[in-house]
Amino acid sequence: RYQLEAATKLVGGMNYTYASRGDGQLVTAQLPKKIQQEALNEIIRSISPEVLELPDAIIKLIPPRPAGYDVTRELFKKRTGFAFDALSPAETAVDLPLSFLFNSERLSRMAQHELTGGLSIREMVDTLVKSTWKSTPQTGMKRLIQLQSQQVLLTYLLAASVDDNSSFAVRASLQKSLSDLKSYLEGQKKQSKDISYLGYVNLALERMKAPDKAKPTIHAAIPPGAPIGCDWD
């Protein structure tokens, strides 16, 4: 989790020091595009359906939570009542890096760094779309994770495209990416014979009509990380 967060900070990232006049230290330098692209590729690999699918053997070991037990912050949000929600951890795992990648300050830096050879917003979004919406269809639970990840990415694209904290350059770039994705989905709607998939396509197209309603929420409820301050030897 923390390595993944660190990797996201390489995208649109900078080397810098709090230098003083005349001390000879590096002041600021944007990271090479190659490093940013490699980091993005590793992020995408870490949130692929193959990585996020929980083995059935593990799922079968997780019993329903007994009555009277409080819902704590150590638990994932779920939509399946008393049963374990196998999609919830995958949704949270995808939401986490996207929440960092689509940070308004990061995107604004990328819009400017593009002018001096940095990874552009368009290149980042195209890579993410290719690995989700345009990836080879999976089967079984991997397919549900894949379809879910597509919608999570769309949530961030829509929300960031109307974020007043982002520059005009950022919003313009994201609007173009959304327009391209919409054209792709409209093409899929005409070509695909997969009824289930078409439902997701229609859902996405409907969501695109109201980008202001796209509110990323899962990351806020992610279980806490490793314990701090333990006296372990």
C-alpha atoms as a PDB file:
ATOM      1  CA  ARG A   1       0.000   0.000   0.000  1.00  0.00           C
ATOM      2  CA  TYR A   2       2.669   2.512   0.971  1.00  0.00           C
ATOM      3  CA  GLN A   3       4.939   1.459  -1.878  1.00  0.00           C
ATOM      4  CA  LEU A   4       2.001   2.002  -4.230  1.00  0.00           C
ATOM      5  CA  GLU A   5       1.413   5.481  -2.841  1.00  0.00           C
ATOM      6  CA  ALA A   6       5.113   6.241  -3.245  1.00  0.00           C
ATOM      7  CA  ALA A   7       5.008   5.084  -6.874  1.00  0.00           C
ATOM      8  CA  THR A   8       2.138   7.458  -7.661  1.00  0.00           C
ATOM      9  CA  LYS A   9       4.264  10.366  -6.462  1.00  0.00           C
ATOM     10  CA  LEU A  10       6.768   9.669  -9.222  1.00  0.00           C
ATOM     11  CA  VAL A  11       4.090  10.535 -11.785  1.00  0.00           C
ATOM     12  CA  GLY A  12       4.237  14.286 -12.222  1.00  0.00           C
ATOM     13  CA  GLY A  13       6.950  14.224  -9.582  1.00  0.00           C
ATOM     14  CA  MET A  14       9.981  16.412  -8.950  1.00  0.00           C
ATOM     15  CA  ASN A  15      13.361  16.249  -7.308  1.00  0.00           C
ATOM     16  CA  TYR A  16      13.856  19.262  -5.058  1.00  0.00           C
ATOM     17  CA  THR A  17      15.631  20.582  -1.989  1.00  0.00           C
ATOM     18  CA  TYR A  18      14.980  23.533   0.277  1.00  0.00           C
ATOM     19  CA  ALA A  19      18.131  25.155  -1.012  1.00  0.00           C
ATOM     20  CA  SER A  20      19.595  28.420   0.164  1.00  0.00           C
ATOM     21  CA  ARG A  21      21.199  30.961  -2.102  1.00  0.00           C
ATOM     22  CA  GLY A  22      24.722  29.935  -3.028  1.00  0.00           C
ATOM     23  CA  ASP A  23      24.733  26.509  -1.321  1.00  0.00           C
ATOM     24  CA  GLY A  24      25.027  24.700  -4.657  1.00  0.00           C
ATOM     25  CA  GLN A  25      22.156  22.289  -4.024  1.00  0.00           C
ATOM     26  CA  LEU A  26      19.635  21.181  -6.609  1.00  0.00           C
ATOM     27  CA  VAL A  27      16.614  23.458  -6.398  1.00  0.00           C
ATOM     28  CA  THR A  28      14.013  21.691  -8.546  1.00  0.00           C
ATOM     29  CA  ALA A  29      14.041  19.256 -11.455  1.00  0.00           C
ATOM     30  CA  GLN A  30      11.122  17.324 -12.905  1.00  0.00           C
ATOM     31  CA  LEU A  31      11.530  13.565 -13.050  1.00  0.00           C
ATOM     32  CA  PRO A  32      12.428  12.066 -16.438  1.00  0.00           C
ATOM     33  CA  LYS A  33       9.450  10.919 -18.471  1.00  0.00           C
ATOM     34  CA  LYS A  34      10.806   7.361 -18.591  1.00  0.00           C
ATOM     35  CA  ILE A  35      10.748   7.071 -14.798  1.00  0.00           C
ATOM     36  CA  GLN A  36       7.194   8.407 -14.660  1.00  0.00           C
ATOM     37  CA  GLN A  37       6.005   5.973 -17.325  1.00  0.00           C
ATOM     38  CA  GLU A  38       7.677   3.032 -15.600  1.00  0.00           C
ATOM     39  CA  ALA A  39       6.012   3.991 -12.314  1.00  0.00           C
ATOM     40  CA  LEU A  40       2.626   4.244 -14.022  1.00  0.00           C
ATOM     41  CA  ASN A  41       3.084   0.817 -15.605  1.00  0.00           C
ATOM     42  CA  GLU A  42       3.860  -0.737 -12.216  1.00  0.00           C
ATOM     43  CA  ILE A  43       0.821   0.944 -10.670  1.00  0.00           C
ATOM     44  CA  ILE A  44      -1.376  -0.486 -13.402  1.00  0.00           C
ATOM     45  CA  ARG A  45       0.130  -3.934 -12.960  1.00  0.00           C
ATOM     46  CA  SER A  46      -0.562  -3.830  -9.221  1.00  0.00           C
ATOM     47  CA  ILE A  47      -4.276  -3.120  -9.736  1.00  0.00           C
ATOM     48  CA  SER A  48      -4.908  -5.612 -12.524  1.00  0.00           C
ATOM     49  CA  PRO A  49      -7.742  -8.149 -12.026  1.00  0.00           C
ATOM     50  CA  GLU A  50      -5.173 -10.949 -11.885  1.00  0.00           C
ATOM     51  CA  VAL A  51      -3.568  -9.335  -8.842  1.00  0.00           C
ATOM     52  CA  LEU A  52      -6.764  -8.178  -7.131  1.00  0.00           C
ATOM     53  CA  GLU A  53      -8.840 -11.353  -7.332  1.00  0.00           C
ATOM     54  CA  LEU A  54      -8.995 -13.107  -3.970  1.00  0.00           C
ATOM     55  CA  PRO A  55      -8.642 -16.912  -4.147  1.00  0.00           C
ATOM     56  CA  ASP A  56     -11.851 -18.822  -3.420  1.00  0.00           C
ATOM     57  CA  ALA A  57      -9.993 -20.717  -0.701  1.00  0.00           C
ATOM     58  CA  ILE A  58      -9.425 -17.448   1.154  1.00  0.00           C
ATOM     59  CA  ILE A  59     -12.956 -16.143   0.655  1.00  0.00           C
ATOM     60  CA  LYS A  60     -14.387 -19.362   2.100  1.00  0.00           C
ATOM     61  CA  LEU A  61     -12.412 -18.780   5.296  1.00  0.00           C
ATOM     62  CA  ILE A  62     -14.108 -15.422   5.981  1.00  0.00           C
ATOM     63  CA  PRO A  63     -17.342 -15.975   7.947  1.00  0.00           C
ATOM     64  CA  PRO A  64     -20.233 -13.527   8.301  1.00  0.00           C
ATOM     65  CA  ARG A  65     -19.677 -10.990  11.058  1.00  0.00           C
ATOM     66  CA  PRO A  66     -21.599 -12.110  14.171  1.00  0.00           C
ATOM     67  CA  ALA A  67     -24.556 -10.094  15.403  1.00  0.00           C
ATOM     68  CA  GLY A  68     -23.596  -7.545  18.022  1.00  0.00           C
ATOM     69  CA  TYR A  69     -20.085  -6.986  16.693  1.00  0.00           C
ATOM     70  CA  ASP A  70     -19.461  -3.366  15.834  1.00  0.00           C
ATOM     71  CA  VAL A  71     -18.390  -2.288  12.366  1.00  0.00           C
ATOM     72  CA  THR A  72     -14.878  -0.956  12.866  1.00  0.00           C
ATOM     73  CA  ARG A  73     -12.501   0.980  10.657  1.00  0.00           C
ATOM     74  CA  GLU A  74     -10.491  -2.227  10.213  1.00  0.00           C
ATOM     75  CA  LEU A  75     -13.202  -3.545   7.875  1.00  0.00           C
ATOM     76  CA  PHE A  76     -13.804  -2.853   4.208  1.00  0.00           C
ATOM     77  CA  LYS A  77     -17.073  -1.259   3.189  1.00  0.00           C
ATOM     78  CA  LYS A  78     -19.418  -3.799   1.668  1.00  0.00           C
ATOM     79  CA  ARG A  79     -22.674  -3.994  -0.232  1.00  0.00           C
ATOM     80  CA  THR A  80     -23.515  -7.643   0.436  1.00  0.00           C
ATOM     81  CA  GLY A  81     -25.158  -7.510   3.844  1.00  0.00           C
ATOM     82  CA  PHE A  82     -23.660  -9.968   6.312  1.00  0.00           C
ATOM     83  CA  ALA A  83     -21.639 -11.794   3.646  1.00  0.00           C
ATOM     84  CA  PHE A  84     -18.057 -10.860   2.747  1.00  0.00           C
ATOM     85  CA  ASP A  85     -17.939  -8.588  -0.310  1.00  0.00           C
ATOM     86  CA  ALA A  86     -15.167  -9.944  -2.550  1.00  0.00           C
ATOM     87  CA  LEU A  87     -15.344  -6.872  -4.799  1.00  0.00           C
ATOM     88  CA  SER A  88     -14.877  -4.288  -2.051  1.00  0.00           C
ATOM     89  CA  PRO A  89     -11.131  -4.824  -1.420  1.00  0.00           C
ATOM     90  CA  ALA A  90     -10.502  -4.654  -5.173  1.00  0.00           C
ATOM     91  CA  GLU A  91     -12.478  -1.419  -5.442  1.00  0.00           C
ATOM     92  CA  THR A  92     -10.520   0.131  -2.593  1.00  0.00           C
ATOM     93  CA  ALA A  93      -7.219  -1.066  -4.061  1.00  0.00           C
ATOM     94  CA  VAL A  94      -8.006   0.619  -7.383  1.00  0.00           C
ATOM     95  CA  ASP A  95      -9.369   3.761  -5.772  1.00  0.00           C
ATOM     96  CA  LEU A  96      -6.242   4.318  -3.678  1.00  0.00           C
ATOM     97  CA  PRO A  97      -3.692   4.990  -6.471  1.00  0.00           C
ATOM     98  CA  LEU A  98      -6.235   6.811  -8.628  1.00  0.00           C
ATOM     99  CA  SER A  99      -6.931   9.208  -5.767  1.00  0.00           C
ATOM    100  CA  PHE A 100      -3.255  10.183  -5.857  1.00  0.00           C
ATOM    101  CA  LEU A 101      -2.843  10.202  -9.635  1.00  0.00           C
ATOM    102  CA  PHE A 102      -5.836  12.511 -10.078  1.00  0.00           C
ATOM    103  CA  ASN A 103      -4.808  14.918  -7.344  1.00  0.00           C
ATOM    104  CA  SER A 104      -5.456  18.405  -8.747  1.00  0.00           C
ATOM    105  CA  GLU A 105      -1.985  19.694  -7.873  1.00  0.00           C
ATOM    106  CA  ARG A 106      -0.312  16.719  -9.543  1.00  0.00           C
ATOM    107  CA  LEU A 107      -2.385  17.164 -12.685  1.00  0.00           C
ATOM    108  CA  SER A 108      -1.601  20.872 -12.831  1.00  0.00           C
ATOM    109  CA  ARG A 109       2.119  20.114 -12.590  1.00  0.00           C
ATOM    110  CA  MET A 110       1.817  17.542 -15.359  1.00  0.00           C
ATOM    111  CA  ALA A 111       0.081  20.055 -17.620  1.00  0.00           C
ATOM    112  CA  GLN A 112       3.089  22.356 -17.259  1.00  0.00           C
ATOM    113  CA  HIS A 113       5.814  19.687 -17.244  1.00  0.00           C
ATOM    114  CA  GLU A 114       4.505  18.355 -20.552  1.00  0.00           C
ATOM    115  CA  LEU A 115       5.950  21.486 -22.167  1.00  0.00           C
ATOM    116  CA  THR A 116       9.452  20.419 -21.114  1.00  0.00           C
ATOM    117  CA  GLY A 117       9.211  16.730 -21.976  1.00  0.00           C
ATOM    118  CA  GLY A 118       7.321  15.349 -18.992  1.00  0.00           C
ATOM    119  CA  LEU A 119       4.587  12.734 -19.026  1.00  0.00           C
ATOM    120  CA  SER A 120       1.375  14.433 -20.146  1.00  0.00           C
ATOM    121  CA  ILE A 121      -2.081  14.064 -18.645  1.00  0.00           C
ATOM    122  CA  ARG A 122      -3.296  12.709 -21.961  1.00  0.00           C
ATOM    123  CA  GLU A 123      -0.597  10.027 -21.996  1.00  0.00           C
ATOM    124  CA  MET A 124      -1.397   9.002 -18.429  1.00  0.00           C
ATOM    125  CA  VAL A 125      -5.130   8.818 -19.080  1.00  0.00           C
ATOM    126  CA  ASP A 126      -4.679   6.952 -22.363  1.00  0.00           C
ATOM    127  CA  THR A 127      -2.538   4.370 -20.566  1.00  0.00           C
ATOM    128  CA  LEU A 128      -5.139   3.959 -17.813  1.00  0.00           C
ATOM    129  CA  VAL A 129      -8.014   3.677 -20.287  1.00  0.00           C
ATOM    130  CA  LYS A 130      -6.123   1.134 -22.365  1.00  0.00           C
ATOM    131  CA  SER A 131      -5.504  -1.015 -19.286  1.00  0.00           C
ATOM    132  CA  THR A 132      -9.146  -0.900 -18.163  1.00  0.00           C
ATOM    133  CA  TRP A 133     -11.793  -0.010 -20.725  1.00  0.00           C
ATOM    134  CA  LYS A 134      -9.809  -1.285 -23.689  1.00  0.00           C
ATOM    135  CA  SER A 135      -8.189  -4.329 -22.093  1.00  0.00           C
ATOM    136  CA  THR A 136      -8.964  -7.914 -23.108  1.00  0.00           C
ATOM    137  CA  PRO A 137     -12.205  -9.073 -21.426  1.00  0.00           C
ATOM    138  CA  GLN A 138     -11.656 -11.390 -18.460  1.00  0.00           C
ATOM    139  CA  THR A 139     -13.971 -14.074 -17.115  1.00  0.00           C
ATOM    140  CA  GLY A 140     -15.583 -14.841 -13.773  1.00  0.00           C
ATOM    141  CA  MET A 141     -14.657 -12.687 -10.795  1.00  0.00           C
ATOM    142  CA  LYS A 142     -11.803 -11.128 -12.748  1.00  0.00           C
ATOM    143  CA  ARG A 143     -14.393  -9.794 -15.185  1.00  0.00           C
ATOM    144  CA  LEU A 144     -16.428  -8.196 -12.397  1.00  0.00           C
ATOM    145  CA  ILE A 145     -13.268  -6.590 -11.022  1.00  0.00           C
ATOM    146  CA  GLN A 146     -12.344  -5.375 -14.500  1.00  0.00           C
ATOM    147  CA  LEU A 147     -15.769  -3.815 -15.085  1.00  0.00           C
ATOM    148  CA  GLN A 148     -15.719  -2.259 -11.627  1.00  0.00           C
ATOM    149  CA  SER A 149     -12.264  -0.760 -12.210  1.00  0.00           C
ATOM    150  CA  GLN A 150     -13.501   0.824 -15.432  1.00  0.00           C
ATOM    151  CA  GLN A 151     -16.237   2.645 -13.543  1.00  0.00           C
ATOM    152  CA  VAL A 152     -13.866   3.728 -10.748  1.00  0.00           C
ATOM    153  CA  LEU A 153     -11.526   5.248 -13.328  1.00  0.00           C
ATOM    154  CA  LEU A 154     -14.478   7.007 -14.955  1.00  0.00           C
ATOM    155  CA  THR A 155     -15.427   8.459 -11.573  1.00  0.00           C
ATOM    156  CA  TYR A 156     -12.029  10.115 -11.268  1.00  0.00           C
ATOM    157  CA  LEU A 157     -12.015  11.317 -14.870  1.00  0.00           C
ATOM    158  CA  LEU A 158     -15.417  12.932 -14.453  1.00  0.00           C
ATOM    159  CA  ALA A 159     -14.717  14.454 -11.045  1.00  0.00           C
ATOM    160  CA  ALA A 160     -11.341  15.872 -12.092  1.00  0.00           C
ATOM    161  CA  SER A 161     -12.754  17.317 -15.314  1.00  0.00           C
ATOM    162  CA  VAL A 162     -15.007  19.668 -13.332  1.00  0.00           C
ATOM    163  CA  ASP A 163     -12.716  20.273 -10.355  1.00  0.00           C
ATOM    164  CA  ASP A 164     -12.370  24.018  -9.791  1.00  0.00           C
ATOM    165  CA  ASN A 165      -9.052  23.384  -8.049  1.00  0.00           C
ATOM    166  CA  SER A 166      -7.543  22.233 -11.349  1.00  0.00           C
ATOM    167  CA  SER A 167      -6.213  24.569 -13.996  1.00  0.00           C
ATOM    168  CA  PHE A 168      -8.013  25.180 -17.275  1.00  0.00           C
ATOM    169  CA  ALA A 169      -5.289  23.175 -19.024  1.00  0.00           C
ATOM    170  CA  VAL A 170      -6.047  20.162 -16.837  1.00  0.00           C
ATOM    171  CA  ARG A 171      -9.787  20.324 -17.326  1.00  0.00           C
ATOM    172  CA  ALA A 172      -9.445  20.837 -21.073  1.00  0.00           C
ATOM    173  CA  SER A 173      -7.195  17.790 -21.373  1.00  0.00           C
ATOM    174  CA  LEU A 174      -9.553  15.620 -19.339  1.00  0.00           C
ATOM    175  CA  GLN A 175     -12.578  16.828 -21.294  1.00  0.00           C
ATOM    176  CA  LYS A 176     -10.868  15.702 -24.501  1.00  0.00           C
ATOM    177  CA  SER A 177     -10.045  12.316 -22.988  1.00  0.00           C
ATOM    178  CA  LEU A 178     -13.652  11.906 -21.870  1.00  0.00           C
ATOM    179  CA  SER A 179     -14.877  12.847 -25.337  1.00  0.00           C
ATOM    180  CA  ASP A 180     -12.629  10.189 -26.853  1.00  0.00           C
ATOM    181  CA  LEU A 181     -13.800   7.598 -24.327  1.00  0.00           C
ATOM    182  CA  LYS A 182     -17.423   8.480 -25.049  1.00  0.00           C
ATOM    183  CA  SER A 183     -16.862   7.917 -28.774  1.00  0.00           C
ATOM    184  CA  TYR A 184     -15.247   4.562 -28.009  1.00  0.00           C
ATOM    185  CA  LEU A 185     -18.164   3.492 -25.796  1.00  0.00           C
ATOM    186  CA  GLU A 186     -20.724   4.549 -28.385  1.00  0.00           C
ATOM    187  CA  GLY A 187     -18.879   2.350 -30.854  1.00  0.00           C
ATOM    188  CA  GLN A 188     -18.929  -0.544 -28.388  1.00  0.00           C
ATOM    189  CA  LYS A 189     -22.658  -0.049 -27.921  1.00  0.00           C
ATOM    190  CA  LYS A 190     -23.184  -0.655 -31.627  1.00  0.00           C
ATOM    191  CA  GLN A 191     -20.770  -3.569 -31.965  1.00  0.00           C
ATOM    192  CA  SER A 192     -20.914  -5.613 -28.769  1.00  0.00           C
ATOM    193  CA  LYS A 193     -23.360  -8.482 -28.322  1.00  0.00           C
ATOM    194  CA  ASP A 194     -22.540  -8.929 -24.629  1.00  0.00           C
ATOM    195  CA  ILE A 195     -25.719  -7.866 -22.812  1.00  0.00           C
ATOM    196  CA  SER A 196     -24.019  -7.588 -19.425  1.00  0.00           C
ATOM    197  CA  TYR A 197     -21.180  -5.464 -20.801  1.00  0.00           C
ATOM    198  CA  LEU A 198     -23.635  -3.220 -22.634  1.00  0.00           C
ATOM    199  CA  GLY A 199     -25.257  -2.486 -19.291  1.00  0.00           C
ATOM    200  CA  TYR A 200     -21.942  -1.130 -18.032  1.00  0.00           C
ATOM    201  CA  VAL A 201     -21.509   0.856 -21.243  1.00  0.00           C
ATOM    202  CA  ASN A 202     -24.941   2.436 -20.868  1.00  0.00           C
ATOM    203  CA  LEU A 203     -24.201   3.190 -17.221  1.00  0.00           C
ATOM    204  CA  ALA A 204     -20.973   4.948 -18.188  1.00  0.00           C
ATOM    205  CA  LEU A 205     -22.647   6.997 -20.905  1.00  0.00           C
ATOM    206  CA  GLU A 206     -25.367   8.087 -18.478  1.00  0.00           C
ATOM    207  CA  ARG A 207     -22.790   9.056 -15.864  1.00  0.00           C
ATOM    208  CA  MET A 208     -20.969  11.194 -18.425  1.00  0.00           C
ATOM    209  CA  LYS A 209     -24.036  13.422 -18.654  1.00  0.00           C
ATOM    210  CA  ALA A 210     -23.548  14.630 -15.074  1.00  0.00           C
ATOM    211  CA  PRO A 211     -19.826  14.772 -14.235  1.00  0.00           C
ATOM    212  CA  ASP A 212     -20.517  16.936 -11.189  1.00  0.00           C
ATOM    213  CA  LYS A 213     -22.248  13.954  -9.556  1.00  0.00           C
ATOM    214  CA  ALA A 214     -19.124  11.781  -9.744  1.00  0.00           C
ATOM    215  CA  LYS A 215     -17.870  11.717  -6.168  1.00  0.00           C
ATOM    216  CA  PRO A 216     -14.976   9.412  -5.246  1.00  0.00           C
ATOM    217  CA  THR A 217     -15.786   8.084  -1.778  1.00  0.00           C
ATOM    218  CA  ILE A 218     -14.166   4.705  -1.209  1.00  0.00           C
ATOM    219  CA  HIS A 219     -10.673   5.977  -0.387  1.00  0.00           C
ATOM    220  CA  ALA A 220     -12.018   7.934   2.574  1.00  0.00           C
ATOM    221  CA  ALA A 221     -13.118   4.663   4.187  1.00  0.00           C
ATOM    222  CA  ILE A 222     -10.000   2.585   3.522  1.00  0.00           C
ATOM    223  CA  PRO A 223      -8.896   0.514   6.543  1.00  0.00           C
ATOM    224  CA  PRO A 224      -5.936   2.027   8.412  1.00  0.00           C
ATOM    225  CA  GLY A 225      -2.403   0.931   7.677  1.00  0.00           C
ATOM    226  CA  ALA A 226       0.316  -0.736   9.717  1.00  0.00           C
ATOM    227  CA  PRO A 227       0.349  -0.099  13.493  1.00  0.00           C
ATOM    228  CA  ILE A 228       2.614   2.705  14.681  1.00  0.00           C
ATOM    229  CA  GLY A 229       4.556   2.810  17.927  1.00  0.00           C
ATOM    230  CA  CYS A 230       4.466  -0.894  18.803  1.00  0.00           C
ATOM    231  CA  ASP A 231       7.081  -2.226  21.219  1.00  0.00           C
ATOM    232  CA  TRP A 232       7.889  -5.293  19.147  1.00  0.00           C
ATOM    233  CA  ASP A 233      11.475  -6.550  19.332  1.00  0.00           C
END
